Protein backbone atom coordinates (compact mmCIF):
# COMPACT_ATOMS: atom_id res chain seq x y z
CA MET A 1 -0.07 0.24 -0.03
CA PRO A 2 1.73 3.46 -0.97
CA LYS A 3 2.35 6.08 1.59
CA GLU A 4 -0.73 8.31 0.15
CA LYS A 5 -2.89 5.85 1.88
CA ASP A 6 -2.31 7.93 4.93
CA ASP A 7 -4.14 11.13 3.14
CA VAL A 8 -7.13 9.22 2.05
CA ILE A 9 -10.40 8.88 3.96
CA VAL A 10 -13.17 6.68 2.46
CA ARG A 11 -16.79 7.96 3.22
CA VAL A 12 -18.92 4.69 4.03
CA ILE A 13 -22.50 6.00 3.80
CA GLY A 14 -24.92 3.34 5.69
CA ALA A 15 -24.17 1.00 8.48
CA GLY A 16 -26.28 -1.94 7.64
CA LEU A 17 -24.33 -5.00 6.77
CA ALA A 18 -22.77 -4.10 3.66
CA GLY A 19 -21.51 -0.60 5.15
CA CYS A 20 -20.15 -2.28 8.36
CA GLU A 21 -18.45 -5.14 6.06
CA ALA A 22 -16.88 -2.49 3.98
CA ALA A 23 -15.66 0.03 6.64
CA HIS A 24 -14.11 -3.02 8.54
CA PHE A 25 -12.10 -4.47 5.46
CA LEU A 26 -10.57 -0.85 4.85
CA ALA A 27 -9.81 0.31 8.43
CA LYS A 28 -8.32 -3.44 8.78
CA HIS A 29 -5.66 -2.53 5.84
CA GLY A 30 -4.89 0.85 7.45
CA ILE A 31 -7.20 3.04 5.56
CA LYS A 32 -8.98 5.63 7.50
CA VAL A 33 -12.84 5.47 7.03
CA ARG A 34 -15.54 8.10 8.17
CA LEU A 35 -18.76 5.75 8.50
CA SER A 36 -22.02 7.74 8.58
CA ASP A 37 -25.48 6.44 9.39
CA ILE A 38 -29.05 7.99 10.21
CA LYS A 39 -28.64 6.40 13.53
CA PRO A 40 -29.35 7.24 16.35
CA LYS A 41 -30.81 10.54 15.53
CA LYS A 42 -33.17 9.08 13.10
CA PHE A 43 -34.82 5.38 11.95
CA THR A 44 -36.24 4.05 8.78
CA PRO A 45 -39.59 2.54 8.86
CA ALA A 46 -38.33 -0.79 9.43
CA HIS A 47 -35.56 -0.38 12.12
CA SER A 48 -35.67 0.21 15.85
CA GLU A 49 -32.48 -0.56 17.43
CA ARG A 50 -29.34 1.83 18.02
CA ASN A 51 -26.77 -0.63 16.68
CA PHE A 52 -25.29 -1.02 13.28
CA ALA A 53 -26.20 -4.12 11.19
CA GLU A 54 -29.60 -4.58 12.17
CA LEU A 55 -31.60 -7.57 11.19
CA VAL A 56 -35.36 -6.99 10.09
CA CYS A 57 -36.69 -9.73 7.73
CA SER A 58 -35.41 -12.89 9.74
CA ASN A 59 -32.84 -13.96 12.26
CA SER A 60 -31.54 -16.54 9.81
CA LEU A 61 -28.45 -16.06 7.41
CA LYS A 62 -29.63 -19.21 5.55
CA SER A 63 -27.51 -22.39 5.07
CA ASN A 64 -24.20 -22.92 6.50
CA ASP A 65 -23.48 -25.89 4.00
CA VAL A 66 -20.29 -25.11 2.17
CA TYR A 67 -20.53 -27.97 -0.20
CA GLY A 68 -24.21 -28.46 -0.61
CA ASN A 69 -25.61 -24.88 -0.77
CA ALA A 70 -24.60 -21.65 -2.80
CA CYS A 71 -24.90 -19.31 0.05
CA GLY A 72 -23.31 -21.70 2.52
CA LEU A 73 -20.20 -21.40 -0.38
CA LEU A 74 -20.51 -17.63 -0.27
CA LYS A 75 -19.95 -17.64 3.63
CA GLU A 76 -17.16 -19.46 3.16
CA GLU A 77 -15.66 -17.31 0.68
CA MET A 78 -16.16 -14.30 2.93
CA ARG A 79 -14.85 -16.08 5.71
CA LEU A 80 -11.48 -16.45 3.76
CA PHE A 81 -11.47 -12.64 3.31
CA GLY A 82 -11.91 -12.07 6.93
CA SER A 83 -15.60 -11.07 7.03
CA LEU A 84 -16.83 -9.09 9.97
CA VAL A 85 -20.29 -9.94 9.45
CA ILE A 86 -19.69 -13.75 9.01
CA SER A 87 -17.41 -13.65 12.32
CA ALA A 88 -20.18 -11.99 14.29
CA ALA A 89 -22.84 -14.61 13.20
CA ASP A 90 -20.61 -17.58 14.00
CA SER A 91 -20.19 -15.87 17.68
CA ALA A 92 -24.04 -14.76 18.01
CA LYS A 93 -25.37 -18.09 16.53
CA VAL A 94 -28.44 -19.93 17.81
CA PRO A 95 -29.32 -23.63 17.12
CA ALA A 96 -31.33 -23.76 13.64
CA GLY A 97 -30.19 -27.04 12.12
CA GLY A 98 -27.97 -26.50 9.14
CA ALA A 99 -28.91 -22.89 8.88
CA LEU A 100 -26.65 -20.13 10.49
CA ALA A 101 -29.38 -17.85 12.53
CA VAL A 102 -28.25 -15.64 15.29
CA ASP A 103 -29.32 -13.39 18.03
CA ARG A 104 -30.08 -10.26 16.60
CA ALA A 105 -29.06 -8.22 19.45
CA ALA A 106 -25.68 -9.95 20.38
CA PHE A 107 -25.08 -10.09 16.40
CA SER A 108 -25.49 -6.25 16.07
CA GLU A 109 -23.88 -5.54 19.03
CA LYS A 110 -20.64 -7.48 18.13
CA ILE A 111 -20.44 -5.54 14.80
CA THR A 112 -21.08 -2.07 16.34
CA LYS A 113 -18.36 -2.65 19.17
CA THR A 114 -16.02 -3.92 16.84
CA LEU A 115 -16.33 -0.66 14.45
CA LEU A 116 -16.55 1.63 17.56
CA ASP A 117 -13.17 0.19 18.83
CA ASP A 118 -11.47 0.44 15.46
CA PRO A 119 -9.13 3.62 15.63
CA ASN A 120 -9.25 3.88 11.85
CA ILE A 121 -13.19 4.36 11.74
CA GLU A 122 -14.66 7.58 12.69
CA ILE A 123 -18.44 7.23 13.14
CA VAL A 124 -20.93 10.01 12.62
CA SER A 125 -24.75 10.19 12.89
CA GLU A 126 -25.91 12.33 9.58
CA GLU A 127 -28.51 12.04 6.99
CA ALA A 128 -26.52 11.59 3.55
CA GLU A 129 -28.58 13.76 1.10
CA ASP A 130 -26.46 13.53 -2.14
CA LEU A 131 -23.22 11.72 -3.48
CA PRO A 132 -20.04 12.79 -2.36
CA CYS A 133 -18.47 15.51 -4.61
CA GLU A 134 -14.90 13.95 -4.46
CA GLY A 135 -12.84 11.31 -2.95
CA TYR A 136 -13.69 7.73 -2.51
CA ALA A 137 -16.90 6.53 -1.14
CA ILE A 138 -19.07 3.41 -0.65
CA ILE A 139 -22.74 4.10 -0.87
CA ALA A 140 -24.32 1.30 1.16
CA THR A 141 -27.50 3.03 2.16
CA GLY A 142 -29.56 -0.42 1.73
CA PRO A 143 -32.89 -0.69 0.19
CA LEU A 144 -34.36 1.88 2.55
CA THR A 145 -32.27 4.63 1.38
CA THR A 146 -33.80 7.71 2.79
CA GLU A 147 -36.10 10.04 0.63
CA LYS A 148 -33.68 12.80 -0.33
CA LEU A 149 -31.03 10.78 -1.38
CA ALA A 150 -33.23 8.45 -3.29
CA GLU A 151 -34.65 11.27 -5.01
CA LYS A 152 -31.30 12.44 -6.03
CA LEU A 153 -30.08 9.11 -7.13
CA SER A 154 -33.46 8.84 -9.19
CA ALA A 155 -32.67 12.24 -10.85
CA ARG A 156 -29.19 11.35 -11.59
CA PHE A 157 -29.56 7.93 -12.75
CA GLY A 158 -33.22 7.45 -13.77
CA GLY A 159 -35.35 4.66 -13.03
CA ASN A 160 -37.87 4.00 -10.18
CA LEU A 161 -37.07 0.22 -9.29
CA TYR A 162 -38.54 -1.06 -5.93
CA PHE A 163 -39.90 -4.07 -4.44
CA TYR A 164 -41.55 -5.18 -1.37
CA ASP A 165 -40.11 -7.15 1.45
CA ALA A 166 -41.76 -8.59 4.45
CA ALA A 167 -40.84 -9.91 7.89
CA ALA A 168 -42.40 -12.86 10.02
CA PRO A 169 -43.59 -12.31 13.30
CA ILE A 170 -42.04 -13.53 16.64
CA VAL A 171 -43.75 -14.90 19.82
CA SER A 172 -42.75 -15.38 23.42
CA ALA A 173 -41.44 -18.73 24.01
CA SER A 174 -43.36 -18.99 27.33
CA SER A 175 -46.40 -18.52 25.49
CA ILE A 176 -46.14 -21.51 22.93
CA ASP A 177 -48.31 -24.43 24.09
CA THR A 178 -45.78 -27.18 23.67
CA GLY A 179 -48.34 -29.75 24.14
CA HIS A 180 -48.61 -29.38 20.59
CA THR A 181 -45.28 -29.28 19.29
CA PHE A 182 -42.39 -31.47 18.57
CA ALA A 183 -38.76 -30.52 18.25
CA ALA A 184 -36.98 -31.96 15.04
CA ASP A 185 -35.09 -30.53 12.21
CA ARG A 186 -36.09 -31.73 8.55
CA TYR A 187 -34.72 -34.96 7.60
CA GLY A 188 -32.93 -35.31 11.06
CA LYS A 189 -30.35 -32.60 9.90
CA GLY A 190 -29.38 -30.91 13.15
CA GLU A 191 -30.23 -31.72 17.02
CA GLY A 192 -33.89 -30.72 17.04
CA ASP A 193 -33.39 -27.08 16.87
CA TYR A 194 -36.99 -26.29 15.38
CA LEU A 195 -39.91 -26.36 17.45
CA ASN A 196 -42.77 -27.76 14.83
CA CYS A 197 -46.49 -26.97 15.34
CA PRO A 198 -48.33 -29.69 13.35
CA MET A 199 -51.65 -29.22 11.84
CA ASN A 200 -54.39 -31.70 10.71
CA LYS A 201 -56.18 -31.21 7.45
CA GLU A 202 -58.90 -29.41 9.20
CA GLU A 203 -56.93 -27.16 11.12
CA TYR A 204 -54.54 -26.32 8.05
CA GLU A 205 -57.85 -25.60 5.89
CA ALA A 206 -59.06 -23.31 8.55
CA PHE A 207 -55.50 -21.39 8.87
CA VAL A 208 -55.43 -20.78 5.05
CA SER A 209 -59.18 -19.68 4.91
CA ALA A 210 -58.51 -17.19 7.59
CA LEU A 211 -55.50 -16.05 5.86
CA LEU A 212 -57.16 -15.35 2.72
CA SER A 213 -60.25 -13.48 4.46
CA ALA A 214 -57.82 -11.70 6.57
CA GLU A 215 -57.45 -7.81 6.02
CA ARG A 216 -53.93 -6.56 4.95
CA ALA A 217 -51.93 -3.36 6.39
CA VAL A 218 -51.43 -2.39 2.58
CA VAL A 219 -54.08 -3.26 0.14
CA ARG A 220 -53.56 -1.31 -3.10
CA GLU A 221 -50.19 0.20 -2.88
CA PHE A 222 -48.56 -3.28 -4.46
CA ASP A 223 -49.35 -6.11 -5.99
CA LYS A 224 -47.75 -9.50 -6.79
CA ARG A 225 -45.21 -8.43 -9.38
CA ASP A 226 -43.68 -6.10 -6.92
CA VAL A 227 -42.96 -8.66 -4.04
CA PHE A 228 -39.87 -10.25 -4.02
CA ASP A 229 -40.41 -13.98 -4.06
CA GLY A 230 -37.94 -14.55 -1.36
CA CYS A 231 -39.88 -12.70 0.99
CA MET A 232 -43.59 -13.23 -0.55
CA PRO A 233 -45.95 -12.68 2.21
CA VAL A 234 -47.74 -16.02 3.48
CA GLU A 235 -51.21 -14.56 2.72
CA VAL A 236 -49.98 -13.85 -1.09
CA MET A 237 -48.43 -17.61 -1.37
CA ALA A 238 -52.04 -18.70 0.11
CA ALA A 239 -53.70 -17.29 -2.77
CA ARG A 240 -51.97 -19.25 -4.95
CA GLY A 241 -53.80 -22.45 -4.23
CA PRO A 242 -55.29 -24.53 -1.34
CA ASP A 243 -52.25 -26.75 -1.04
CA THR A 244 -49.55 -24.11 -2.06
CA LEU A 245 -48.36 -23.67 1.55
CA ARG A 246 -48.36 -27.30 2.30
CA PHE A 247 -46.00 -27.52 -0.35
CA GLY A 248 -43.59 -24.53 0.53
CA MET A 249 -43.06 -23.13 4.06
CA LEU A 250 -45.54 -25.37 5.84
CA LYS A 251 -44.69 -28.55 4.20
CA PRO A 252 -44.24 -31.53 6.50
CA VAL A 253 -41.56 -33.58 4.30
CA GLY A 254 -38.98 -34.84 6.44
CA LEU A 255 -40.78 -34.22 9.86
CA TYR A 256 -42.38 -36.74 12.23
CA ASP A 257 -44.38 -36.14 15.42
CA LYS A 258 -44.06 -37.79 18.59
CA ASP A 259 -45.89 -40.80 17.43
CA GLY A 260 -43.43 -41.16 14.47
CA LYS A 261 -46.29 -39.80 12.06
CA ARG A 262 -45.87 -37.27 9.50
CA PRO A 263 -48.41 -34.51 9.87
CA TYR A 264 -50.77 -32.74 7.47
CA ALA A 265 -48.70 -29.58 7.47
CA VAL A 266 -46.16 -27.98 9.84
CA LEU A 267 -45.47 -24.31 10.94
CA GLN A 268 -41.87 -24.16 12.23
CA LEU A 269 -40.22 -22.10 14.86
CA ARG A 270 -36.88 -21.05 15.17
CA LYS A 271 -35.01 -19.54 18.36
CA GLU A 272 -34.63 -15.85 17.88
CA ASN A 273 -31.97 -15.46 20.45
CA CYS A 274 -29.65 -17.61 22.42
CA GLU A 275 -31.66 -17.51 25.65
CA GLY A 276 -34.47 -19.18 23.61
CA SER A 277 -37.27 -16.88 25.16
CA ALA A 278 -38.66 -15.79 21.89
CA TYR A 279 -39.10 -18.01 18.57
CA ASN A 280 -39.54 -16.57 14.83
CA LEU A 281 -42.37 -18.03 12.50
CA VAL A 282 -40.35 -19.75 9.85
CA GLY A 283 -41.53 -18.63 6.24
CA CYS A 284 -44.38 -16.56 7.52
CA GLN A 285 -43.52 -13.10 6.47
CA THR A 286 -46.60 -11.10 6.39
CA ASN A 287 -48.65 -7.48 5.63
CA LEU A 288 -51.67 -8.56 7.47
CA LYS A 289 -53.05 -5.79 10.10
CA PHE A 290 -51.67 -6.66 13.61
CA ALA A 291 -55.02 -7.66 15.18
CA GLU A 292 -55.26 -10.14 12.28
CA GLN A 293 -52.02 -11.42 12.42
CA LYS A 294 -53.21 -12.92 16.16
CA ARG A 295 -56.11 -13.90 15.00
CA VAL A 296 -54.86 -15.94 12.04
CA PHE A 297 -51.69 -17.41 13.60
CA SER A 298 -53.77 -18.29 17.01
CA ILE A 299 -55.51 -20.78 14.90
CA VAL A 300 -52.28 -23.01 14.72
CA PRO A 301 -53.03 -25.11 18.09
CA ALA A 302 -49.48 -24.45 19.36
CA LEU A 303 -50.15 -20.74 19.08
CA LYS A 304 -53.69 -20.50 20.42
CA ASN A 305 -52.41 -18.40 23.25
CA ALA A 306 -49.26 -17.04 21.73
CA GLU A 307 -47.76 -13.53 22.70
CA PHE A 308 -46.49 -11.84 19.79
CA LEU A 309 -43.19 -9.73 20.84
CA ARG A 310 -43.10 -8.34 17.17
CA TYR A 311 -45.83 -8.55 14.33
CA GLY A 312 -44.68 -8.99 10.73
CA VAL A 313 -44.36 -6.00 8.67
CA MET A 314 -43.84 -4.93 5.03
CA HIS A 315 -41.71 -2.17 3.67
CA ARG A 316 -40.69 -1.09 0.22
CA ASN A 317 -36.98 -1.53 -0.99
CA THR A 318 -35.57 0.58 -3.49
CA TYR A 319 -32.72 -0.53 -5.78
CA LEU A 320 -30.58 0.75 -8.69
CA ASP A 321 -30.68 -0.29 -12.52
CA SER A 322 -27.17 -1.35 -11.77
CA PRO A 323 -26.37 -2.66 -15.15
CA LYS A 324 -26.74 1.08 -16.85
CA ILE A 325 -24.28 2.83 -14.04
CA LEU A 326 -22.26 0.29 -11.99
CA SER A 327 -19.25 -1.73 -13.32
CA GLU A 328 -18.28 -5.27 -12.13
CA ASP A 329 -16.32 -3.62 -9.04
CA TYR A 330 -19.71 -1.92 -8.09
CA SER A 331 -17.93 1.34 -8.63
CA LEU A 332 -19.82 3.97 -11.01
CA LYS A 333 -18.89 3.77 -14.62
CA GLU A 334 -18.88 7.86 -14.40
CA ASN A 335 -16.53 7.87 -11.34
CA GLY A 336 -14.45 5.02 -10.42
CA LYS A 337 -13.96 6.45 -6.87
CA ILE A 338 -17.85 6.05 -5.99
CA PHE A 339 -18.71 2.58 -5.21
CA PHE A 340 -22.22 1.16 -4.32
CA ALA A 341 -22.84 -1.87 -2.29
CA GLY A 342 -25.58 -3.88 -0.86
CA GLN A 343 -29.33 -4.33 -1.55
CA ILE A 344 -29.58 -1.17 -3.44
CA THR A 345 -27.26 -2.69 -6.17
CA GLY A 346 -29.66 -5.48 -6.94
CA VAL A 347 -28.26 -8.28 -4.76
CA GLU A 348 -30.91 -9.77 -2.43
CA GLY A 349 -30.44 -11.29 0.87
CA TYR A 350 -28.07 -10.42 4.16
CA VAL A 351 -25.23 -12.38 3.26
CA GLU A 352 -25.26 -11.40 -0.50
CA SER A 353 -25.47 -7.66 0.90
CA ALA A 354 -22.63 -8.11 3.07
CA ALA A 355 -20.56 -10.04 0.42
CA SER A 356 -21.16 -7.02 -1.83
CA GLY A 357 -19.87 -4.53 0.66
CA LEU A 358 -16.78 -6.58 1.36
CA TYR A 359 -16.14 -6.89 -2.39
CA ALA A 360 -16.53 -3.15 -3.03
CA ALA A 361 -13.99 -2.57 -0.10
CA VAL A 362 -11.39 -4.80 -1.64
CA CYS A 363 -11.89 -3.20 -4.96
CA CYS A 364 -11.54 0.19 -3.23
CA ALA A 365 -8.67 -0.69 -1.42
CA LEU A 366 -6.69 -1.80 -4.46
CA LYS A 367 -7.72 1.39 -6.24
CA ILE A 368 -6.27 3.39 -3.51
CA ALA A 369 -3.16 1.42 -3.79
CA GLY A 370 -2.79 1.88 -7.38
CA GLU A 371 -3.62 -1.67 -8.40
CA LYS A 372 -6.43 -2.95 -10.71
CA SER A 373 -9.91 -3.82 -9.22
CA LEU A 374 -10.93 -7.39 -8.90
CA ALA A 375 -12.33 -8.93 -12.24
CA ALA A 376 -15.76 -10.41 -11.38
CA ASP A 377 -14.78 -14.04 -11.59
CA VAL A 378 -17.90 -16.04 -12.14
CA ARG A 379 -16.44 -19.18 -10.74
CA THR A 380 -16.67 -17.73 -7.22
CA VAL A 381 -20.45 -16.47 -5.91
CA MET A 382 -18.91 -12.98 -4.91
CA GLY A 383 -17.70 -12.55 -8.29
CA ALA A 384 -20.86 -13.84 -9.92
CA LEU A 385 -23.01 -11.57 -7.92
CA ALA A 386 -20.84 -8.55 -8.91
CA ARG A 387 -21.41 -9.76 -12.45
CA HIS A 388 -25.07 -10.17 -11.96
CA VAL A 389 -25.30 -6.48 -11.03
CA CYS A 390 -23.53 -5.07 -13.98
CA THR A 391 -24.79 -7.44 -16.90
CA GLU A 392 -27.34 -5.69 -19.20
CA SER A 393 -31.02 -7.24 -18.92
CA ALA A 394 -33.95 -6.32 -20.28
CA ASP A 395 -35.95 -6.96 -16.81
CA PHE A 396 -33.21 -6.51 -14.24
CA GLN A 397 -34.26 -8.00 -11.07
CA PRO A 398 -32.73 -8.76 -7.40
CA MET A 399 -30.49 -11.85 -7.22
CA ASN A 400 -29.76 -14.55 -4.20
CA ALA A 401 -26.63 -16.76 -4.35
CA ASN A 402 -27.60 -19.51 -6.24
CA TYR A 403 -25.58 -21.88 -8.56
CA GLY A 404 -27.15 -20.80 -11.63
CA ILE A 405 -25.11 -17.44 -11.71
CA LEU A 406 -22.03 -19.71 -11.47
CA ARG A 407 -20.07 -20.87 -14.58
CA PRO A 408 -20.43 -24.49 -14.73
CA PRO A 409 -17.68 -26.84 -13.89
CA GLU A 410 -15.50 -27.47 -16.71
CA ARG A 411 -16.40 -31.39 -16.93
CA GLU A 412 -20.02 -32.56 -16.97
CA ILE A 413 -21.18 -33.84 -13.91
CA ARG A 414 -24.56 -35.75 -13.41
CA ASP A 415 -24.61 -36.29 -10.02
CA LYS A 416 -26.07 -33.06 -8.16
CA ALA A 417 -24.31 -33.57 -5.09
CA ALA A 418 -21.05 -34.52 -6.45
CA LYS A 419 -21.60 -31.01 -9.24
CA LYS A 420 -22.29 -28.89 -5.74
CA ARG A 421 -19.19 -29.89 -4.28
CA ALA A 422 -17.11 -29.26 -7.54
CA PHE A 423 -18.65 -25.70 -7.43
CA ALA A 424 -17.13 -25.26 -3.96
CA GLU A 425 -14.02 -26.75 -4.38
CA ARG A 426 -13.33 -24.60 -7.37
CA SER A 427 -14.63 -21.70 -5.93
CA LEU A 428 -12.65 -21.80 -2.59
CA GLU A 429 -9.42 -22.62 -4.69
CA ILE A 430 -9.83 -19.40 -6.33
CA THR A 431 -11.13 -17.30 -3.54
CA LYS A 432 -7.99 -18.34 -1.54
CA SER A 433 -5.53 -17.54 -4.40
CA LEU A 434 -7.58 -14.11 -4.83
CA LYS A 435 -7.17 -13.31 -1.29
CA ASP A 436 -3.54 -13.93 -1.19
CA SER A 437 -3.01 -11.64 -3.88
CA VAL A 438 -5.15 -8.76 -2.62
CA GLU A 439 -3.24 -9.18 0.81
CA LYS A 440 0.26 -8.84 -1.17
CA ALA A 441 -1.15 -6.05 -2.93
CA LEU A 442 -2.29 -4.29 0.42
CA CYS A 443 0.67 -4.86 2.50
């Protein structure tokens, strides 16, 4: 790293997962960072906690299976690059079978403290109203970018892209009727980390009927085309057909009750914190009015007396028409010193957002060092996501980590498990090499 790095201060705007990840990587490599966020002076409609990297829609960072799941592989790529987000998640994890779920409060607290304790990071509470006029910057304001900045971005780059995102309710553990539950992980993967709420045919049909007739909080502001499929409200899914939920988030496949029988349908609950005092209704993101949520979910026998600690909510997410304005290192085509990261770029998911922040920070640090940015290597998940956001498309949509965006293995592999392993082994070998070359360039 050249001596000029001492004169560089990178502005990181937004202290969500992407911004925190970016700030940490830069600071760890001796680059001064000015991290700004509207917290704690202001909050977005979906946020309420003072700490950074607040998780809203779920406490799950999805699968931890490196060799059998693309998001699990992405996490391992990030670990190799010293990811703050994944390190914090590993230290704050709660039992969730093969998934990496976290205690939200402990997770955010760990990240916030790490950044506060770093002498290379200055943290300020302020609202960004426009892009910086000069110098290096990483814009990671997330899908809930404040109105003033969103208007400036729209005026500058055009487009009006958005989708709707929903969160699931959380209930008190003490209010769950455990006489109507059984502990088990699907297909026996895990140590019985999920609490399962079985329903018979009559109970399931009553639940679906109640969902379809319940009053929603927002009726005409969005339609099904605006809702990201990975966060589809349970009531919208139910409207697709009477058995949709039973073959979706309420599927009983791989689960057997205390008598060894497979229920007609199962609503799974996942621990929300380390103490196990709260549980998340898995896959039950919703836009129903609060009173309706209590009425509908109480139809599930195990939840008949449930105390809701947080009701489900829906909020609008904004993202850029990234292929028109971003290069494959997440920097502006018109200004290579300004980077974007997180869900505003068109990556979707907590892990994907953090990964884009890490990737953008690596590329920013390389430019400061006088080196070339990373080329988006589509043999790795991080690289493939970067390529996705800069690839022209007639219908640009948010993208999760998945094997479909990766370049196929060099040789044909018919067995699915073997093919996924081949993806992972190739990706990790390339990522290790990239990490070594980046560290050498930045030392």
